[in-house]
Amino acid sequence: MTGEDAAARWDRWADEDDYLFGTRAPEPAADFLAALAGAGPGLDLGAGTGRVPRALAERGVPMTAVEISPAMAARLRRECAGLSVAVEEADMASFTLQDRFSVISSVNGSLFSLLTQQAQASCFQAAAAHLRPDGAFVVHAFVPWIIAQHPAVALRHLSETHVDLSVLRHDAAAQRVTFQEIRLQDAGLRLLPVDIRYAWPAELDLMARQAGLHLSARYGDFDRQPYTGASQRHVSVYTAH
């Protein structure tokens, strides 16, 4: 999938981003990242409609948000109007910015929207190149074992006016998951596709080392609970020292 294809696909989610992450309050992520950022600045990759950079800017951290989808970026600008949030329309695998950052973040599995190992490794390299010497790259994502717990077809919502279905196809060999969110309403049918390539934490650690970073901490979530074999998510902090 080209960058243009990815942008067009995520454009379709510009009015539905909260459907993906609406139950995940941005405050825990913002509190965690703000503690690392200090006075900033911070950079959020695959920022969507800006829930996390907005929450960080409200905490006094100047932010830049990288988003490949023009429609998402447009909504991000509206949502963050009046706050210290600069928006860059760019591919998170190959961005080039003038600033260097105290904290760079990829939250809610945004790294997995890059569909090849090479692209994900390139994101680590780009992040490392944009970190200040004492900065941190924070990756927040699900742990792949939970994919096996997700049914191939799931009913998300049922009412007299509409039905929401989630359909999943998992290719374990390619580490790829394709979702289709299906909306059936009186007005018609709407399809919202999601395609990801997941990686286990150990694979991410190798990408980090190849980029000159190393794992300095890993938690089960932003509340700093221990990361264990039962954890469904991880927050991994990578630094240069």
C-alpha atoms as a PDB file:
ATOM      1  CA  MET A   1       0.000   0.000   0.000  1.00  0.00           C
ATOM      2  CA  THR A   2       1.384   3.392  -0.997  1.00  0.00           C
ATOM      3  CA  GLY A   3       1.328   6.475   1.209  1.00  0.00           C
ATOM      4  CA  GLU A   4      -1.477   7.882  -0.936  1.00  0.00           C
ATOM      5  CA  ASP A   5      -3.499   4.683  -0.468  1.00  0.00           C
ATOM      6  CA  ALA A   6      -2.979   4.802   3.300  1.00  0.00           C
ATOM      7  CA  ALA A   7      -3.977   8.466   3.437  1.00  0.00           C
ATOM      8  CA  ALA A   8      -7.162   7.786   1.458  1.00  0.00           C
ATOM      9  CA  ARG A   9      -8.074   4.850   3.689  1.00  0.00           C
ATOM     10  CA  TRP A  10      -7.642   6.841   6.898  1.00  0.00           C
ATOM     11  CA  ASP A  11      -9.515   9.780   5.372  1.00  0.00           C
ATOM     12  CA  ARG A  12     -12.607   7.586   5.633  1.00  0.00           C
ATOM     13  CA  TRP A  13     -12.110   7.450   9.408  1.00  0.00           C
ATOM     14  CA  ALA A  14     -11.832  11.216   9.906  1.00  0.00           C
ATOM     15  CA  ASP A  15     -15.344  11.459  11.344  1.00  0.00           C
ATOM     16  CA  GLU A  16     -15.093   8.087  13.095  1.00  0.00           C
ATOM     17  CA  ASP A  17     -11.743   8.274  14.902  1.00  0.00           C
ATOM     18  CA  ASP A  18     -13.486   8.522  18.262  1.00  0.00           C
ATOM     19  CA  TYR A  19     -15.258   5.273  17.408  1.00  0.00           C
ATOM     20  CA  LEU A  20     -11.870   3.547  17.487  1.00  0.00           C
ATOM     21  CA  PHE A  21     -10.489   5.253  20.593  1.00  0.00           C
ATOM     22  CA  GLY A  22     -13.458   6.965  22.231  1.00  0.00           C
ATOM     23  CA  THR A  23     -13.417   4.671  25.262  1.00  0.00           C
ATOM     24  CA  ARG A  24      -9.700   5.298  25.824  1.00  0.00           C
ATOM     25  CA  ALA A  25      -9.368   8.557  27.694  1.00  0.00           C
ATOM     26  CA  PRO A  26      -6.218  10.403  26.576  1.00  0.00           C
ATOM     27  CA  GLU A  27      -5.372  11.648  30.085  1.00  0.00           C
ATOM     28  CA  PRO A  28      -3.329   8.607  31.242  1.00  0.00           C
ATOM     29  CA  ALA A  29      -1.197   8.751  28.094  1.00  0.00           C
ATOM     30  CA  ALA A  30      -0.818  12.527  28.368  1.00  0.00           C
ATOM     31  CA  ASP A  31       0.196  12.350  32.043  1.00  0.00           C
ATOM     32  CA  PHE A  32       2.785   9.653  31.280  1.00  0.00           C
ATOM     33  CA  LEU A  33       4.224  11.473  28.278  1.00  0.00           C
ATOM     34  CA  ALA A  34       4.211  14.890  29.974  1.00  0.00           C
ATOM     35  CA  ALA A  35       6.362  13.501  32.781  1.00  0.00           C
ATOM     36  CA  LEU A  36       8.959  12.499  30.184  1.00  0.00           C
ATOM     37  CA  ALA A  37       8.616  15.632  28.066  1.00  0.00           C
ATOM     38  CA  GLY A  38       9.229  18.223  30.772  1.00  0.00           C
ATOM     39  CA  ALA A  39       9.075  21.571  28.993  1.00  0.00           C
ATOM     40  CA  GLY A  40       8.989  19.753  25.656  1.00  0.00           C
ATOM     41  CA  PRO A  41       8.584  19.921  22.816  1.00  0.00           C
ATOM     42  CA  GLY A  42       6.772  16.683  22.041  1.00  0.00           C
ATOM     43  CA  LEU A  43       5.915  14.848  18.833  1.00  0.00           C
ATOM     44  CA  ASP A  44       3.010  12.445  18.296  1.00  0.00           C
ATOM     45  CA  LEU A  45       3.100  10.053  15.330  1.00  0.00           C
ATOM     46  CA  GLY A  46      -0.068   8.873  13.621  1.00  0.00           C
ATOM     47  CA  ALA A  47      -1.943  11.436  15.673  1.00  0.00           C
ATOM     48  CA  GLY A  48      -5.399  10.863  14.186  1.00  0.00           C
ATOM     49  CA  THR A  49      -7.740  13.637  15.262  1.00  0.00           C
ATOM     50  CA  GLY A  50      -5.372  14.782  17.986  1.00  0.00           C
ATOM     51  CA  ARG A  51      -6.691  13.423  21.258  1.00  0.00           C
ATOM     52  CA  VAL A  52      -3.225  12.854  22.755  1.00  0.00           C
ATOM     53  CA  PRO A  53      -1.382  15.944  21.418  1.00  0.00           C
ATOM     54  CA  ARG A  54      -4.330  18.098  22.481  1.00  0.00           C
ATOM     55  CA  ALA A  55      -4.188  16.707  26.031  1.00  0.00           C
ATOM     56  CA  LEU A  56      -0.412  17.262  26.160  1.00  0.00           C
ATOM     57  CA  ALA A  57      -0.711  20.831  24.879  1.00  0.00           C
ATOM     58  CA  GLU A  58      -3.304  21.483  27.577  1.00  0.00           C
ATOM     59  CA  ARG A  59      -0.632  20.391  30.068  1.00  0.00           C
ATOM     60  CA  GLY A  60       1.760  23.007  28.705  1.00  0.00           C
ATOM     61  CA  VAL A  61       3.828  20.806  26.386  1.00  0.00           C
ATOM     62  CA  PRO A  62       4.294  22.353  22.893  1.00  0.00           C
ATOM     63  CA  MET A  63       3.378  19.630  20.420  1.00  0.00           C
ATOM     64  CA  THR A  64       3.831  18.618  16.811  1.00  0.00           C
ATOM     65  CA  ALA A  65       1.485  16.016  15.356  1.00  0.00           C
ATOM     66  CA  VAL A  66       2.341  13.908  12.309  1.00  0.00           C
ATOM     67  CA  GLU A  67      -0.664  12.527  10.407  1.00  0.00           C
ATOM     68  CA  ILE A  68      -0.765  11.061   6.896  1.00  0.00           C
ATOM     69  CA  SER A  69      -4.497  11.582   6.287  1.00  0.00           C
ATOM     70  CA  PRO A  70      -5.423  15.081   5.049  1.00  0.00           C
ATOM     71  CA  ALA A  71      -8.958  14.710   6.409  1.00  0.00           C
ATOM     72  CA  MET A  72      -7.672  13.606   9.809  1.00  0.00           C
ATOM     73  CA  ALA A  73      -5.155  16.466   9.818  1.00  0.00           C
ATOM     74  CA  ALA A  74      -7.890  18.973   9.002  1.00  0.00           C
ATOM     75  CA  ARG A  75      -9.989  17.782  11.922  1.00  0.00           C
ATOM     76  CA  LEU A  76      -6.887  17.748  14.137  1.00  0.00           C
ATOM     77  CA  ARG A  77      -6.281  21.414  13.349  1.00  0.00           C
ATOM     78  CA  ARG A  78      -9.885  22.232  14.257  1.00  0.00           C
ATOM     79  CA  GLU A  79      -9.763  20.208  17.475  1.00  0.00           C
ATOM     80  CA  CYS A  80      -6.476  21.817  18.551  1.00  0.00           C
ATOM     81  CA  ALA A  81      -7.268  25.395  17.520  1.00  0.00           C
ATOM     82  CA  GLY A  82      -5.833  27.842  20.024  1.00  0.00           C
ATOM     83  CA  LEU A  83      -3.380  25.295  21.448  1.00  0.00           C
ATOM     84  CA  SER A  84       0.346  24.909  20.811  1.00  0.00           C
ATOM     85  CA  VAL A  85      -0.029  22.059  18.335  1.00  0.00           C
ATOM     86  CA  ALA A  86       1.658  22.162  14.923  1.00  0.00           C
ATOM     87  CA  VAL A  87       0.290  19.708  12.377  1.00  0.00           C
ATOM     88  CA  GLU A  88       2.495  18.042   9.766  1.00  0.00           C
ATOM     89  CA  GLU A  89       0.919  15.967   6.995  1.00  0.00           C
ATOM     90  CA  ALA A  90       3.556  13.287   6.543  1.00  0.00           C
ATOM     91  CA  ASP A  91       4.214   9.559   6.591  1.00  0.00           C
ATOM     92  CA  MET A  92       5.332   8.503  10.078  1.00  0.00           C
ATOM     93  CA  ALA A  93       7.774   6.079   8.439  1.00  0.00           C
ATOM     94  CA  SER A  94       9.749   8.797   6.674  1.00  0.00           C
ATOM     95  CA  PHE A  95       9.088  12.214   8.186  1.00  0.00           C
ATOM     96  CA  THR A  96      11.721  14.952   8.299  1.00  0.00           C
ATOM     97  CA  LEU A  97      11.249  17.928  10.639  1.00  0.00           C
ATOM     98  CA  GLN A  98      13.484  20.781  11.727  1.00  0.00           C
ATOM     99  CA  ASP A  99      12.895  20.395  15.470  1.00  0.00           C
ATOM    100  CA  ARG A 100      14.258  17.870  17.952  1.00  0.00           C
ATOM    101  CA  PHE A 101      11.952  16.548  20.648  1.00  0.00           C
ATOM    102  CA  SER A 102      12.041  15.579  24.304  1.00  0.00           C
ATOM    103  CA  VAL A 103       9.446  12.878  23.793  1.00  0.00           C
ATOM    104  CA  ILE A 104       8.130  11.200  20.655  1.00  0.00           C
ATOM    105  CA  SER A 105       5.071   8.984  20.953  1.00  0.00           C
ATOM    106  CA  SER A 106       3.212   6.363  18.965  1.00  0.00           C
ATOM    107  CA  VAL A 107       0.077   5.500  20.939  1.00  0.00           C
ATOM    108  CA  ASN A 108      -2.921   3.219  20.446  1.00  0.00           C
ATOM    109  CA  GLY A 109      -0.955   0.986  18.085  1.00  0.00           C
ATOM    110  CA  SER A 110      -0.405   3.675  15.456  1.00  0.00           C
ATOM    111  CA  LEU A 111       2.981   2.077  14.637  1.00  0.00           C
ATOM    112  CA  PHE A 112       1.100  -1.001  13.420  1.00  0.00           C
ATOM    113  CA  SER A 113      -0.604   1.041  10.690  1.00  0.00           C
ATOM    114  CA  LEU A 114       2.737   0.744   8.868  1.00  0.00           C
ATOM    115  CA  LEU A 115       2.260  -2.483   6.945  1.00  0.00           C
ATOM    116  CA  THR A 116       5.804  -3.816   6.567  1.00  0.00           C
ATOM    117  CA  GLN A 117       8.646  -4.528   8.955  1.00  0.00           C
ATOM    118  CA  GLN A 118      10.836  -2.208   6.878  1.00  0.00           C
ATOM    119  CA  ALA A 119       8.396   0.688   7.316  1.00  0.00           C
ATOM    120  CA  GLN A 120       8.141   0.128  11.048  1.00  0.00           C
ATOM    121  CA  ALA A 121      11.932  -0.027  11.370  1.00  0.00           C
ATOM    122  CA  SER A 122      12.160   3.174   9.316  1.00  0.00           C
ATOM    123  CA  CYS A 123       9.812   4.848  11.805  1.00  0.00           C
ATOM    124  CA  PHE A 124      12.186   3.945  14.638  1.00  0.00           C
ATOM    125  CA  GLN A 125      15.080   5.415  12.655  1.00  0.00           C
ATOM    126  CA  ALA A 126      13.169   8.631  11.942  1.00  0.00           C
ATOM    127  CA  ALA A 127      12.165   8.914  15.602  1.00  0.00           C
ATOM    128  CA  ALA A 128      15.770   8.391  16.754  1.00  0.00           C
ATOM    129  CA  ALA A 129      16.964  11.091  14.357  1.00  0.00           C
ATOM    130  CA  HIS A 130      14.474  13.575  15.854  1.00  0.00           C
ATOM    131  CA  LEU A 131      15.113  12.908  19.543  1.00  0.00           C
ATOM    132  CA  ARG A 132      17.059  15.221  21.791  1.00  0.00           C
ATOM    133  CA  PRO A 133      20.033  13.488  23.452  1.00  0.00           C
ATOM    134  CA  ASP A 134      18.027  12.876  26.636  1.00  0.00           C
ATOM    135  CA  GLY A 135      14.734  12.242  24.827  1.00  0.00           C
ATOM    136  CA  ALA A 136      12.502   9.172  24.760  1.00  0.00           C
ATOM    137  CA  PHE A 137      10.514   7.373  22.074  1.00  0.00           C
ATOM    138  CA  VAL A 138       7.388   5.820  23.598  1.00  0.00           C
ATOM    139  CA  VAL A 139       5.519   3.038  21.796  1.00  0.00           C
ATOM    140  CA  HIS A 140       2.086   2.011  23.094  1.00  0.00           C
ATOM    141  CA  ALA A 141       0.467  -0.967  21.387  1.00  0.00           C
ATOM    142  CA  PHE A 142      -1.480  -4.146  21.961  1.00  0.00           C
ATOM    143  CA  VAL A 143       0.300  -7.438  22.589  1.00  0.00           C
ATOM    144  CA  PRO A 144      -0.391  -9.716  19.589  1.00  0.00           C
ATOM    145  CA  TRP A 145      -1.641 -12.704  21.591  1.00  0.00           C
ATOM    146  CA  ILE A 146      -4.973 -10.913  22.052  1.00  0.00           C
ATOM    147  CA  ILE A 147      -5.728 -11.247  18.323  1.00  0.00           C
ATOM    148  CA  ALA A 148      -6.587 -14.911  18.931  1.00  0.00           C
ATOM    149  CA  GLN A 149      -9.253 -13.770  21.409  1.00  0.00           C
ATOM    150  CA  HIS A 150     -11.041 -11.598  18.838  1.00  0.00           C
ATOM    151  CA  PRO A 151     -13.898 -13.312  16.997  1.00  0.00           C
ATOM    152  CA  ALA A 152     -13.873 -13.299  13.211  1.00  0.00           C
ATOM    153  CA  VAL A 153     -17.262 -11.564  13.258  1.00  0.00           C
ATOM    154  CA  ALA A 154     -18.406  -9.418  16.173  1.00  0.00           C
ATOM    155  CA  LEU A 155     -21.647  -7.526  16.721  1.00  0.00           C
ATOM    156  CA  ARG A 156     -20.786  -4.066  18.015  1.00  0.00           C
ATOM    157  CA  HIS A 157     -24.222  -2.477  18.062  1.00  0.00           C
ATOM    158  CA  LEU A 158     -27.793  -3.470  17.340  1.00  0.00           C
ATOM    159  CA  SER A 159     -30.814  -1.175  17.393  1.00  0.00           C
ATOM    160  CA  GLU A 160     -33.983  -0.502  15.428  1.00  0.00           C
ATOM    161  CA  THR A 161     -32.127   2.006  13.248  1.00  0.00           C
ATOM    162  CA  HIS A 162     -28.730   0.436  12.599  1.00  0.00           C
ATOM    163  CA  VAL A 163     -26.387  -2.515  12.994  1.00  0.00           C
ATOM    164  CA  ASP A 164     -22.609  -2.300  13.449  1.00  0.00           C
ATOM    165  CA  LEU A 165     -20.453  -5.337  12.690  1.00  0.00           C
ATOM    166  CA  SER A 166     -16.702  -5.901  12.908  1.00  0.00           C
ATOM    167  CA  VAL A 167     -15.213  -8.529  10.597  1.00  0.00           C
ATOM    168  CA  LEU A 168     -11.593  -9.663  11.007  1.00  0.00           C
ATOM    169  CA  ARG A 169      -9.146 -11.716   8.937  1.00  0.00           C
ATOM    170  CA  HIS A 170      -5.856 -12.733  10.554  1.00  0.00           C
ATOM    171  CA  ASP A 171      -2.787 -13.827   8.572  1.00  0.00           C
ATOM    172  CA  ALA A 172      -0.445 -15.112  11.277  1.00  0.00           C
ATOM    173  CA  ALA A 173       2.390 -15.819   8.837  1.00  0.00           C
ATOM    174  CA  ALA A 174       2.444 -12.226   7.617  1.00  0.00           C
ATOM    175  CA  GLN A 175       1.549 -10.759  11.033  1.00  0.00           C
ATOM    176  CA  ARG A 176      -1.288  -8.939   9.290  1.00  0.00           C
ATOM    177  CA  VAL A 177      -4.820  -8.263  10.441  1.00  0.00           C
ATOM    178  CA  THR A 178      -7.508  -6.820   8.177  1.00  0.00           C
ATOM    179  CA  PHE A 179     -10.650  -5.412   9.763  1.00  0.00           C
ATOM    180  CA  GLN A 180     -13.796  -4.173   8.150  1.00  0.00           C
ATOM    181  CA  GLU A 181     -16.184  -2.117  10.244  1.00  0.00           C
ATOM    182  CA  ILE A 182     -19.610  -2.468   8.635  1.00  0.00           C
ATOM    183  CA  ARG A 183     -22.396   0.044   9.273  1.00  0.00           C
ATOM    184  CA  LEU A 184     -25.896  -0.931   8.159  1.00  0.00           C
ATOM    185  CA  GLN A 185     -28.467   1.855   8.409  1.00  0.00           C
ATOM    186  CA  ASP A 186     -31.667   2.927   6.696  1.00  0.00           C
ATOM    187  CA  ALA A 187     -29.519   5.410   4.772  1.00  0.00           C
ATOM    188  CA  GLY A 188     -27.383   2.626   3.360  1.00  0.00           C
ATOM    189  CA  LEU A 189     -24.165   0.678   3.887  1.00  0.00           C
ATOM    190  CA  ARG A 190     -20.834   2.120   5.028  1.00  0.00           C
ATOM    191  CA  LEU A 191     -17.531   0.231   5.087  1.00  0.00           C
ATOM    192  CA  LEU A 192     -14.585   1.377   7.211  1.00  0.00           C
ATOM    193  CA  PRO A 193     -11.434  -0.682   6.558  1.00  0.00           C
ATOM    194  CA  VAL A 194      -8.446  -1.090   8.861  1.00  0.00           C
ATOM    195  CA  ASP A 195      -5.262  -2.925   7.879  1.00  0.00           C
ATOM    196  CA  ILE A 196      -2.396  -3.426  10.326  1.00  0.00           C
ATOM    197  CA  ARG A 197       0.867  -5.300  10.681  1.00  0.00           C
ATOM    198  CA  TYR A 198       1.516  -6.186  14.321  1.00  0.00           C
ATOM    199  CA  ALA A 199       4.884  -6.858  15.946  1.00  0.00           C
ATOM    200  CA  TRP A 200       5.794  -8.523  19.219  1.00  0.00           C
ATOM    201  CA  PRO A 201       7.664  -6.395  21.779  1.00  0.00           C
ATOM    202  CA  ALA A 202      10.910  -8.299  21.172  1.00  0.00           C
ATOM    203  CA  GLU A 203      10.751  -7.408  17.470  1.00  0.00           C
ATOM    204  CA  LEU A 204      10.229  -3.747  18.350  1.00  0.00           C
ATOM    205  CA  ASP A 205      13.234  -3.903  20.677  1.00  0.00           C
ATOM    206  CA  LEU A 206      15.391  -5.121  17.769  1.00  0.00           C
ATOM    207  CA  MET A 207      14.121  -2.290  15.545  1.00  0.00           C
ATOM    208  CA  ALA A 208      15.040   0.138  18.314  1.00  0.00           C
ATOM    209  CA  ARG A 209      18.577  -1.258  18.648  1.00  0.00           C
ATOM    210  CA  GLN A 210      19.089  -0.998  14.894  1.00  0.00           C
ATOM    211  CA  ALA A 211      18.109   2.678  15.196  1.00  0.00           C
ATOM    212  CA  GLY A 212      20.585   3.291  18.025  1.00  0.00           C
ATOM    213  CA  LEU A 213      18.003   3.146  20.828  1.00  0.00           C
ATOM    214  CA  HIS A 214      17.490   0.710  23.663  1.00  0.00           C
ATOM    215  CA  LEU A 215      14.606  -0.295  25.904  1.00  0.00           C
ATOM    216  CA  SER A 216      14.817   1.616  29.172  1.00  0.00           C
ATOM    217  CA  ALA A 217      11.393   0.642  30.600  1.00  0.00           C
ATOM    218  CA  ARG A 218       8.325  -1.395  29.720  1.00  0.00           C
ATOM    219  CA  TYR A 219       4.969  -1.271  31.458  1.00  0.00           C
ATOM    220  CA  GLY A 220       1.623  -3.000  31.109  1.00  0.00           C
ATOM    221  CA  ASP A 221      -0.075   0.362  30.490  1.00  0.00           C
ATOM    222  CA  PHE A 222       0.286   4.081  31.121  1.00  0.00           C
ATOM    223  CA  ASP A 223      -0.400   3.615  34.846  1.00  0.00           C
ATOM    224  CA  ARG A 224       3.017   1.894  35.036  1.00  0.00           C
ATOM    225  CA  GLN A 225       1.604  -1.448  36.081  1.00  0.00           C
ATOM    226  CA  PRO A 226       4.131  -4.267  35.538  1.00  0.00           C
ATOM    227  CA  TYR A 227       4.336  -5.806  32.102  1.00  0.00           C
ATOM    228  CA  THR A 228       3.647  -9.546  32.369  1.00  0.00           C
ATOM    229  CA  GLY A 229       2.689 -12.451  30.158  1.00  0.00           C
ATOM    230  CA  ALA A 230      -0.957 -11.600  30.823  1.00  0.00           C
ATOM    231  CA  SER A 231      -0.649  -7.956  29.723  1.00  0.00           C
ATOM    232  CA  GLN A 232      -2.869  -7.029  26.788  1.00  0.00           C
ATOM    233  CA  ARG A 233      -0.949  -3.827  26.033  1.00  0.00           C
ATOM    234  CA  HIS A 234       2.534  -2.495  26.570  1.00  0.00           C
ATOM    235  CA  VAL A 235       4.113   0.911  26.941  1.00  0.00           C
ATOM    236  CA  SER A 236       7.750   0.682  25.852  1.00  0.00           C
ATOM    237  CA  VAL A 237      10.175   3.551  26.480  1.00  0.00           C
ATOM    238  CA  TYR A 238      13.231   3.727  24.223  1.00  0.00           C
ATOM    239  CA  THR A 239      16.167   6.060  24.800  1.00  0.00           C
ATOM    240  CA  ALA A 240      19.616   6.632  23.345  1.00  0.00           C
ATOM    241  CA  HIS A 241      21.391   6.150  26.667  1.00  0.00           C
END
